[in-house]
Each structure stands twice: as C-alpha cells, then as structure tokens.
PDB file of all heavy atoms in Angstrom:
ATOM      1  N   ALA A   1      97.397 111.739 100.518  1.00  0.00           N
ATOM      2  CA  ALA A   1      98.794 111.367 100.282  1.00  0.00           C
ATOM      3  C   ALA A   1      99.663 111.696 101.491  1.00  0.00           C
ATOM      4  O   ALA A   1     100.641 111.001 101.766  1.00  0.00           O
ATOM      5  CB  ALA A   1      99.321 112.078  99.034  1.00  0.00           C
ATOM      6  N   SER A   2      99.294 112.717 102.238  1.00  0.00           N
ATOM      7  CA  SER A   2     100.061 113.134 103.414  1.00  0.00           C
ATOM      8  C   SER A   2      99.901 112.181 104.591  1.00  0.00           C
ATOM      9  O   SER A   2     100.660 112.251 105.550  1.00  0.00           O
ATOM     10  CB  SER A   2      99.601 114.526 103.854  1.00  0.00           C
ATOM     11  OG  SER A   2      98.258 114.453 104.337  1.00  0.00           O
ATOM     12  N   GLY A   3      98.902 111.315 104.533  1.00  0.00           N
ATOM     13  CA  GLY A   3      98.625 110.411 105.645  1.00  0.00           C
ATOM     14  C   GLY A   3      97.691 111.011 106.684  1.00  0.00           C
ATOM     15  O   GLY A   3      97.293 110.321 107.629  1.00  0.00           O
ATOM     16  N   GLU A   4      97.326 112.287 106.532  1.00  0.00           N
ATOM     17  CA  GLU A   4      96.390 112.905 107.467  1.00  0.00           C
ATOM     18  C   GLU A   4      95.029 112.235 107.354  1.00  0.00           C
ATOM     19  O   GLU A   4      94.702 111.636 106.332  1.00  0.00           O
ATOM     20  CB  GLU A   4      96.234 114.396 107.166  1.00  0.00           C
ATOM     21  CG  GLU A   4      97.454 115.223 107.489  1.00  0.00           C
ATOM     22  CD  GLU A   4      97.206 116.684 107.225  1.00  0.00           C
ATOM     23  OE1 GLU A   4      96.576 117.340 108.080  1.00  0.00           O
ATOM     24  OE2 GLU A   4      97.618 117.156 106.155  1.00  0.00           O
ATOM     25  N   GLY A   5      94.235 112.370 108.390  1.00  0.00           N
ATOM     26  CA  GLY A   5      92.922 111.747 108.419  1.00  0.00           C
ATOM     27  C   GLY A   5      91.905 112.462 107.554  1.00  0.00           C
ATOM     28  O   GLY A   5      92.073 113.625 107.183  1.00  0.00           O
ATOM     29  N   LEU A   6      90.844 111.743 107.226  1.00  0.00           N
ATOM     30  CA  LEU A   6      89.704 112.271 106.489  1.00  0.00           C
ATOM     31  C   LEU A   6      88.443 111.922 107.258  1.00  0.00           C
ATOM     32  O   LEU A   6      88.288 110.786 107.719  1.00  0.00           O
ATOM     33  CB  LEU A   6      89.595 111.634 105.097  1.00  0.00           C
ATOM     34  CG  LEU A   6      90.573 112.065 104.034  1.00  0.00           C
ATOM     35  CD1 LEU A   6      90.432 111.169 102.804  1.00  0.00           C
ATOM     36  CD2 LEU A   6      90.354 113.520 103.659  1.00  0.00           C
ATOM     37  N   GLU A   7      87.542 112.883 107.381  1.00  0.00           N
ATOM     38  CA  GLU A   7      86.253 112.643 108.030  1.00  0.00           C
ATOM     39  C   GLU A   7      85.142 113.036 107.067  1.00  0.00           C
ATOM     40  O   GLU A   7      85.045 114.192 106.668  1.00  0.00           O
ATOM     41  CB  GLU A   7      86.141 113.471 109.309  1.00  0.00           C
ATOM     42  CG  GLU A   7      84.832 113.297 110.025  1.00  0.00           C
ATOM     43  CD  GLU A   7      84.704 114.220 111.231  1.00  0.00           C
ATOM     44  OE1 GLU A   7      85.717 114.743 111.728  1.00  0.00           O
ATOM     45  OE2 GLU A   7      83.550 114.427 111.664  1.00  0.00           O
ATOM     46  N   GLU A   8      84.318 112.067 106.684  1.00  0.00           N
ATOM     47  CA  GLU A   8      83.180 112.358 105.813  1.00  0.00           C
ATOM     48  C   GLU A   8      82.197 113.227 106.575  1.00  0.00           C
ATOM     49  O   GLU A   8      81.858 112.931 107.712  1.00  0.00           O
ATOM     50  CB  GLU A   8      82.507 111.067 105.372  1.00  0.00           C
ATOM     51  CG  GLU A   8      83.407 110.205 104.521  1.00  0.00           C
ATOM     52  CD  GLU A   8      82.850 108.818 104.273  1.00  0.00           C
ATOM     53  OE1 GLU A   8      81.843 108.439 104.901  1.00  0.00           O
ATOM     54  OE2 GLU A   8      83.440 108.100 103.451  1.00  0.00           O
ATOM     55  N   VAL A   9      81.748 114.310 105.911  1.00  0.00           N
ATOM     56  CA  VAL A   9      80.836 115.205 106.595  1.00  0.00           C
ATOM     57  C   VAL A   9      79.523 115.388 105.832  1.00  0.00           C
ATOM     58  O   VAL A   9      78.500 115.660 106.437  1.00  0.00           O
ATOM     59  CB  VAL A   9      81.513 116.564 106.909  1.00  0.00           C
ATOM     60  CG1 VAL A   9      81.785 117.358 105.651  1.00  0.00           C
ATOM     61  CG2 VAL A   9      80.724 117.367 107.894  1.00  0.00           C
ATOM     62  N   ALA A  10      79.563 115.226 104.509  1.00  0.00           N
ATOM     63  CA  ALA A  10      78.343 115.388 103.712  1.00  0.00           C
ATOM     64  C   ALA A  10      78.524 114.699 102.367  1.00  0.00           C
ATOM     65  O   ALA A  10      79.642 114.382 101.966  1.00  0.00           O
ATOM     66  CB  ALA A  10      78.021 116.870 103.515  1.00  0.00           C
ATOM     67  N   LYS A  11      77.400 114.500 101.698  1.00  0.00           N
ATOM     68  CA  LYS A  11      77.380 113.895 100.361  1.00  0.00           C
ATOM     69  C   LYS A  11      76.649 114.822  99.406  1.00  0.00           C
ATOM     70  O   LYS A  11      75.914 115.697  99.820  1.00  0.00           O
ATOM     71  CB  LYS A  11      76.631 112.558 100.383  1.00  0.00           C
ATOM     72  CG  LYS A  11      77.261 111.473 101.194  1.00  0.00           C
ATOM     73  CD  LYS A  11      78.542 110.992 100.622  1.00  0.00           C
ATOM     74  CE  LYS A  11      78.321 110.049  99.471  1.00  0.00           C
ATOM     75  NZ  LYS A  11      79.499 109.462  98.929  1.00  0.00           N
ATOM     76  N   CYS A  12      76.849 114.567  98.127  1.00  0.00           N
ATOM     77  CA  CYS A  12      76.034 115.247  97.118  1.00  0.00           C
ATOM     78  C   CYS A  12      75.228 114.176  96.389  1.00  0.00           C
ATOM     79  O   CYS A  12      75.522 112.984  96.487  1.00  0.00           O
ATOM     80  CB  CYS A  12      76.891 116.050  96.143  1.00  0.00           C
ATOM     81  SG  CYS A  12      77.761 115.069  94.912  1.00  0.00           S
ATOM     82  N   GLY A  13      74.236 114.600  95.647  1.00  0.00           N
ATOM     83  CA  GLY A  13      73.340 113.681  94.965  1.00  0.00           C
ATOM     84  C   GLY A  13      74.001 112.854  93.879  1.00  0.00           C
ATOM     85  O   GLY A  13      73.490 111.808  93.495  1.00  0.00           O
ATOM     86  N   ALA A  14      75.147 113.290  93.393  1.00  0.00           N
ATOM     87  CA  ALA A  14      75.843 112.575  92.320  1.00  0.00           C
ATOM     88  C   ALA A  14      76.877 111.583  92.858  1.00  0.00           C
ATOM     89  O   ALA A  14      77.651 111.026  92.088  1.00  0.00           O
ATOM     90  CB  ALA A  14      76.521 113.572  91.383  1.00  0.00           C
ATOM     91  N   GLY A  15      76.891 111.369  94.163  1.00  0.00           N
ATOM     92  CA  GLY A  15      77.807 110.389  94.739  1.00  0.00           C
ATOM     93  C   GLY A  15      79.117 110.960  95.239  1.00  0.00           C
ATOM     94  O   GLY A  15      79.994 110.218  95.668  1.00  0.00           O
ATOM     95  N   GLY A  16      79.270 112.271  95.206  1.00  0.00           N
ATOM     96  CA  GLY A  16      80.477 112.901  95.731  1.00  0.00           C
ATOM     97  C   GLY A  16      80.411 113.036  97.238  1.00  0.00           C
ATOM     98  O   GLY A  16      79.344 112.950  97.848  1.00  0.00           O
ATOM     99  N   THR A  17      81.574 113.257  97.833  1.00  0.00           N
ATOM    100  CA  THR A  17      81.676 113.339  99.283  1.00  0.00           C
ATOM    101  C   THR A  17      82.473 114.562  99.687  1.00  0.00           C
ATOM    102  O   THR A  17      83.485 114.887  99.061  1.00  0.00           O
ATOM    103  CB  THR A  17      82.382 112.082  99.841  1.00  0.00           C
ATOM    104  OG1 THR A  17      81.705 110.914  99.350  1.00  0.00           O
ATOM    105  CG2 THR A  17      82.380 112.059 101.350  1.00  0.00           C
ATOM    106  N   PHE A  18      82.022 115.233 100.737  1.00  0.00           N
ATOM    107  CA  PHE A  18      82.748 116.339 101.345  1.00  0.00           C
ATOM    108  C   PHE A  18      83.436 115.789 102.593  1.00  0.00           C
ATOM    109  O   PHE A  18      82.786 115.176 103.428  1.00  0.00           O
ATOM    110  CB  PHE A  18      81.790 117.467 101.738  1.00  0.00           C
ATOM    111  CG  PHE A  18      81.126 118.125 100.563  1.00  0.00           C
ATOM    112  CD1 PHE A  18      79.932 117.629 100.052  1.00  0.00           C
ATOM    113  CD2 PHE A  18      81.689 119.251  99.977  1.00  0.00           C
ATOM    114  CE1 PHE A  18      79.304 118.248  98.973  1.00  0.00           C
ATOM    115  CE2 PHE A  18      81.073 119.868  98.895  1.00  0.00           C
ATOM    116  CZ  PHE A  18      79.884 119.362  98.394  1.00  0.00           C
ATOM    117  N   PHE A  19      84.734 116.022 102.678  1.00  0.00           N
ATOM    118  CA  PHE A  19      85.543 115.540 103.800  1.00  0.00           C
ATOM    119  C   PHE A  19      86.151 116.704 104.562  1.00  0.00           C
ATOM    120  O   PHE A  19      86.551 117.698 103.954  1.00  0.00           O
ATOM    121  CB  PHE A  19      86.728 114.705 103.295  1.00  0.00           C
ATOM    122  CG  PHE A  19      86.384 113.447 102.574  1.00  0.00           C
ATOM    123  CD1 PHE A  19      86.267 113.436 101.194  1.00  0.00           C
ATOM    124  CD2 PHE A  19      86.218 112.247 103.264  1.00  0.00           C
ATOM    125  CE1 PHE A  19      85.987 112.258 100.506  1.00  0.00           C
ATOM    126  CE2 PHE A  19      85.938 111.072 102.589  1.00  0.00           C
ATOM    127  CZ  PHE A  19      85.818 111.078 101.210  1.00  0.00           C
ATOM    128  N   LEU A  20      86.291 116.558 105.867  1.00  0.00           N
ATOM    129  CA  LEU A  20      87.147 117.422 106.659  1.00  0.00           C
ATOM    130  C   LEU A  20      88.514 116.751 106.689  1.00  0.00           C
ATOM    131  O   LEU A  20      88.608 115.530 106.894  1.00  0.00           O
ATOM    132  CB  LEU A  20      86.602 117.588 108.075  1.00  0.00           C
ATOM    133  CG  LEU A  20      85.333 118.418 108.197  1.00  0.00           C
ATOM    134  CD1 LEU A  20      84.776 118.337 109.611  1.00  0.00           C
ATOM    135  CD2 LEU A  20      85.609 119.863 107.813  1.00  0.00           C
ATOM    136  N   CYS A  21      89.566 117.528 106.498  1.00  0.00           N
ATOM    137  CA  CYS A  21      90.924 116.987 106.410  1.00  0.00           C
ATOM    138  C   CYS A  21      91.703 117.234 107.693  1.00  0.00           C
ATOM    139  O   CYS A  21      91.629 118.326 108.259  1.00  0.00           O
ATOM    140  CB  CYS A  21      91.680 117.647 105.255  1.00  0.00           C
ATOM    141  SG  CYS A  21      90.928 117.425 103.651  1.00  0.00           S
ATOM    142  N   GLY A  22      92.459 116.236 108.121  1.00  0.00           N
ATOM    143  CA  GLY A  22      93.335 116.387 109.271  1.00  0.00           C
ATOM    144  C   GLY A  22      92.603 116.245 110.584  1.00  0.00           C
ATOM    145  O   GLY A  22      91.514 115.681 110.665  1.00  0.00           O
ATOM    146  N   GLU A  23      93.241 116.782 111.625  1.00  0.00           N
ATOM    147  CA  GLU A  23      92.700 116.706 112.983  1.00  0.00           C
ATOM    148  C   GLU A  23      92.136 118.051 113.377  1.00  0.00           C
ATOM    149  O   GLU A  23      92.572 119.089 112.893  1.00  0.00           O
ATOM    150  CB  GLU A  23      93.815 116.313 113.957  1.00  0.00           C
ATOM    151  CG  GLU A  23      94.456 114.966 113.658  1.00  0.00           C
ATOM    152  CD  GLU A  23      93.484 113.799 113.717  1.00  0.00           C
ATOM    153  OE1 GLU A  23      92.619 113.781 114.615  1.00  0.00           O
ATOM    154  OE2 GLU A  23      93.578 112.912 112.849  1.00  0.00           O
ATOM    155  N   GLY A  24      91.171 118.028 114.266  1.00  0.00           N
ATOM    156  CA  GLY A  24      90.591 119.263 114.769  1.00  0.00           C
ATOM    157  C   GLY A  24      89.090 119.257 114.639  1.00  0.00           C
ATOM    158  O   GLY A  24      88.465 118.202 114.562  1.00  0.00           O
ATOM    159  N   GLY A  25      88.524 120.458 114.571  1.00  0.00           N
ATOM    160  CA  GLY A  25      87.083 120.606 114.517  1.00  0.00           C
ATOM    161  C   GLY A  25      86.611 121.112 113.174  1.00  0.00           C
ATOM    162  O   GLY A  25      87.164 120.776 112.123  1.00  0.00           O
ATOM    163  N   ASP A  26      85.625 121.986 113.233  1.00  0.00           N
ATOM    164  CA  ASP A  26      84.973 122.504 112.032  1.00  0.00           C
ATOM    165  C   ASP A  26      85.868 123.417 111.198  1.00  0.00           C
ATOM    166  O   ASP A  26      85.524 123.769 110.084  1.00  0.00           O
ATOM    167  CB  ASP A  26      83.728 123.310 112.413  1.00  0.00           C
ATOM    168  CG  ASP A  26      82.641 122.452 113.034  1.00  0.00           C
ATOM    169  OD1 ASP A  26      82.693 121.213 112.893  1.00  0.00           O
ATOM    170  OD2 ASP A  26      81.738 123.033 113.662  1.00  0.00           O
ATOM    171  N   GLU A  27      87.019 123.819 111.748  1.00  0.00           N
ATOM    172  CA  GLU A  27      87.902 124.750 111.052  1.00  0.00           C
ATOM    173  C   GLU A  27      88.849 124.067 110.069  1.00  0.00           C
ATOM    174  O   GLU A  27      89.608 124.730 109.370  1.00  0.00           O
ATOM    175  CB  GLU A  27      88.719 125.565 112.068  1.00  0.00           C
ATOM    176  CG  GLU A  27      89.846 124.786 112.725  1.00  0.00           C
ATOM    177  CD  GLU A  27      89.446 123.719 113.758  1.00  0.00           C
ATOM    178  OE1 GLU A  27      88.269 123.664 114.164  1.00  0.00           O
ATOM    179  OE2 GLU A  27      90.323 122.925 114.149  1.00  0.00           O
ATOM    180  N   ARG A  28      88.780 122.752 109.978  1.00  0.00           N
ATOM    181  CA  ARG A  28      89.678 122.013 109.074  1.00  0.00           C
ATOM    182  C   ARG A  28      89.323 122.270 107.608  1.00  0.00           C
ATOM    183  O   ARG A  28      88.173 122.577 107.285  1.00  0.00           O
ATOM    184  CB  ARG A  28      89.569 120.516 109.349  1.00  0.00           C
ATOM    185  CG  ARG A  28      90.093 120.123 110.718  1.00  0.00           C
ATOM    186  CD  ARG A  28      89.885 118.659 110.983  1.00  0.00           C
ATOM    187  NE  ARG A  28      88.500 118.434 111.377  1.00  0.00           N
ATOM    188  CZ  ARG A  28      87.936 117.233 111.464  1.00  0.00           C
ATOM    189  NH1 ARG A  28      88.622 116.153 111.170  1.00  0.00           N
ATOM    190  NH2 ARG A  28      86.683 117.115 111.840  1.00  0.00           N
ATOM    191  N   PRO A  29      90.302 122.103 106.708  1.00  0.00           N
ATOM    192  CA  PRO A  29      90.006 122.233 105.273  1.00  0.00           C
ATOM    193  C   PRO A  29      88.928 121.240 104.843  1.00  0.00           C
ATOM    194  O   PRO A  29      88.871 120.113 105.338  1.00  0.00           O
ATOM    195  CB  PRO A  29      91.345 121.905 104.604  1.00  0.00           C
ATOM    196  CG  PRO A  29      92.368 122.239 105.639  1.00  0.00           C
ATOM    197  CD  PRO A  29      91.729 121.879 106.952  1.00  0.00           C
ATOM    198  N   VAL A  30      88.077 121.699 103.917  1.00  0.00           N
ATOM    199  CA  VAL A  30      87.012 120.868 103.371  1.00  0.00           C
ATOM    200  C   VAL A  30      87.405 120.474 101.952  1.00  0.00           C
ATOM    201  O   VAL A  30      87.631 121.331 101.103  1.00  0.00           O
ATOM    202  CB  VAL A  30      85.658 121.617 103.348  1.00  0.00           C
ATOM    203  CG1 VAL A  30      84.567 120.729 102.753  1.00  0.00           C
ATOM    204  CG2 VAL A  30      85.276 122.081 104.749  1.00  0.00           C
ATOM    205  N   LEU A  31      87.501 119.173 101.719  1.00  0.00           N
ATOM    206  CA  LEU A  31      87.848 118.633 100.416  1.00  0.00           C
ATOM    207  C   LEU A  31      86.625 117.945  99.841  1.00  0.00           C
ATOM    208  O   LEU A  31      85.927 117.217 100.557  1.00  0.00           O
ATOM    209  CB  LEU A  31      88.996 117.630 100.564  1.00  0.00           C
ATOM    210  CG  LEU A  31      89.507 116.982  99.280  1.00  0.00           C
ATOM    211  CD1 LEU A  31      91.026 116.837  99.351  1.00  0.00           C
ATOM    212  CD2 LEU A  31      88.873 115.646  99.033  1.00  0.00           C
ATOM    213  N   TYR A  32      86.359 118.195  98.570  1.00  0.00           N
ATOM    214  CA  TYR A  32      85.262 117.527  97.876  1.00  0.00           C
ATOM    215  C   TYR A  32      85.857 116.537  96.891  1.00  0.00           C
ATOM    216  O   TYR A  32      86.779 116.869  96.137  1.00  0.00           O
ATOM    217  CB  TYR A  32      84.384 118.527  97.125  1.00  0.00           C
ATOM    218  CG  TYR A  32      83.355 117.855  96.252  1.00  0.00           C
ATOM    219  CD1 TYR A  32      82.230 117.265  96.806  1.00  0.00           C
ATOM    220  CD2 TYR A  32      83.533 117.767  94.880  1.00  0.00           C
ATOM    221  CE1 TYR A  32      81.291 116.617  96.015  1.00  0.00           C
ATOM    222  CE2 TYR A  32      82.602 117.134  94.071  1.00  0.00           C
ATOM    223  CZ  TYR A  32      81.485 116.559  94.640  1.00  0.00           C
ATOM    224  OH  TYR A  32      80.559 115.906  93.855  1.00  0.00           O
ATOM    225  N   ALA A  33      85.343 115.321  96.898  1.00  0.00           N
ATOM    226  CA  ALA A  33      85.742 114.287  95.937  1.00  0.00           C
ATOM    227  C   ALA A  33      84.499 113.825  95.207  1.00  0.00           C
ATOM    228  O   ALA A  33      83.518 113.422  95.834  1.00  0.00           O
ATOM    229  CB  ALA A  33      86.396 113.109  96.655  1.00  0.00           C
ATOM    230  N   ASP A  34      84.528 113.902  93.860  1.00  0.00           N
ATOM    231  CA  ASP A  34      83.367 113.429  93.116  1.00  0.00           C
ATOM    232  C   ASP A  34      83.467 111.922  92.908  1.00  0.00           C
ATOM    233  O   ASP A  34      84.436 111.286  93.310  1.00  0.00           O
ATOM    234  CB  ASP A  34      83.177 114.200  91.807  1.00  0.00           C
ATOM    235  CG  ASP A  34      84.256 113.964  90.760  1.00  0.00           C
ATOM    236  OD1 ASP A  34      84.988 112.953  90.837  1.00  0.00           O
ATOM    237  OD2 ASP A  34      84.349 114.807  89.846  1.00  0.00           O
ATOM    238  N   SER A  35      82.466 111.346  92.290  1.00  0.00           N
ATOM    239  CA  SER A  35      82.440 109.894  92.090  1.00  0.00           C
ATOM    240  C   SER A  35      83.186 109.467  90.834  1.00  0.00           C
ATOM    241  O   SER A  35      83.253 108.285  90.537  1.00  0.00           O
ATOM    242  CB  SER A  35      80.984 109.415  92.017  1.00  0.00           C
ATOM    243  OG  SER A  35      80.331 110.036  90.927  1.00  0.00           O
ATOM    244  N   GLU A  36      83.777 110.443  90.121  1.00  0.00           N
ATOM    245  CA  GLU A  36      84.469 110.146  88.867  1.00  0.00           C
ATOM    246  C   GLU A  36      85.984 110.308  88.976  1.00  0.00           C
ATOM    247  O   GLU A  36      86.682 110.305  87.963  1.00  0.00           O
ATOM    248  CB  GLU A  36      83.937 111.073  87.758  1.00  0.00           C
ATOM    249  CG  GLU A  36      82.446 111.003  87.556  1.00  0.00           C
ATOM    250  CD  GLU A  36      81.963 109.622  87.148  1.00  0.00           C
ATOM    251  OE1 GLU A  36      82.616 108.978  86.306  1.00  0.00           O
ATOM    252  OE2 GLU A  36      80.933 109.170  87.693  1.00  0.00           O
ATOM    253  N   GLY A  37      86.500 110.511  90.185  1.00  0.00           N
ATOM    254  CA  GLY A  37      87.948 110.624  90.358  1.00  0.00           C
ATOM    255  C   GLY A  37      88.484 112.037  90.333  1.00  0.00           C
ATOM    256  O   GLY A  37      89.668 112.250  90.091  1.00  0.00           O
TER     257      GLY A  37
END
C-alpha cells in the first residue's frame, strides 16, 4: 500500500511467498503472503 518495492526471495510448499520489502539488501523487512489472502 505504501508503494515500496517487493522482492520475492523464497516460496513455501503451499504457494506462499516470502518478500523483502523496500530498498536495500538482506536487512529489509521480510513479509510472508500465503496463497489464501
């Protein structure tokens, strides 16, 4: 919602995705989104 970037970094077996949020390197917040919303 903030307009910051998202970078996919990993997946889970159930179709969820782990994203790095914003700009920068490995120190960015990690957000997990499942496949069910």
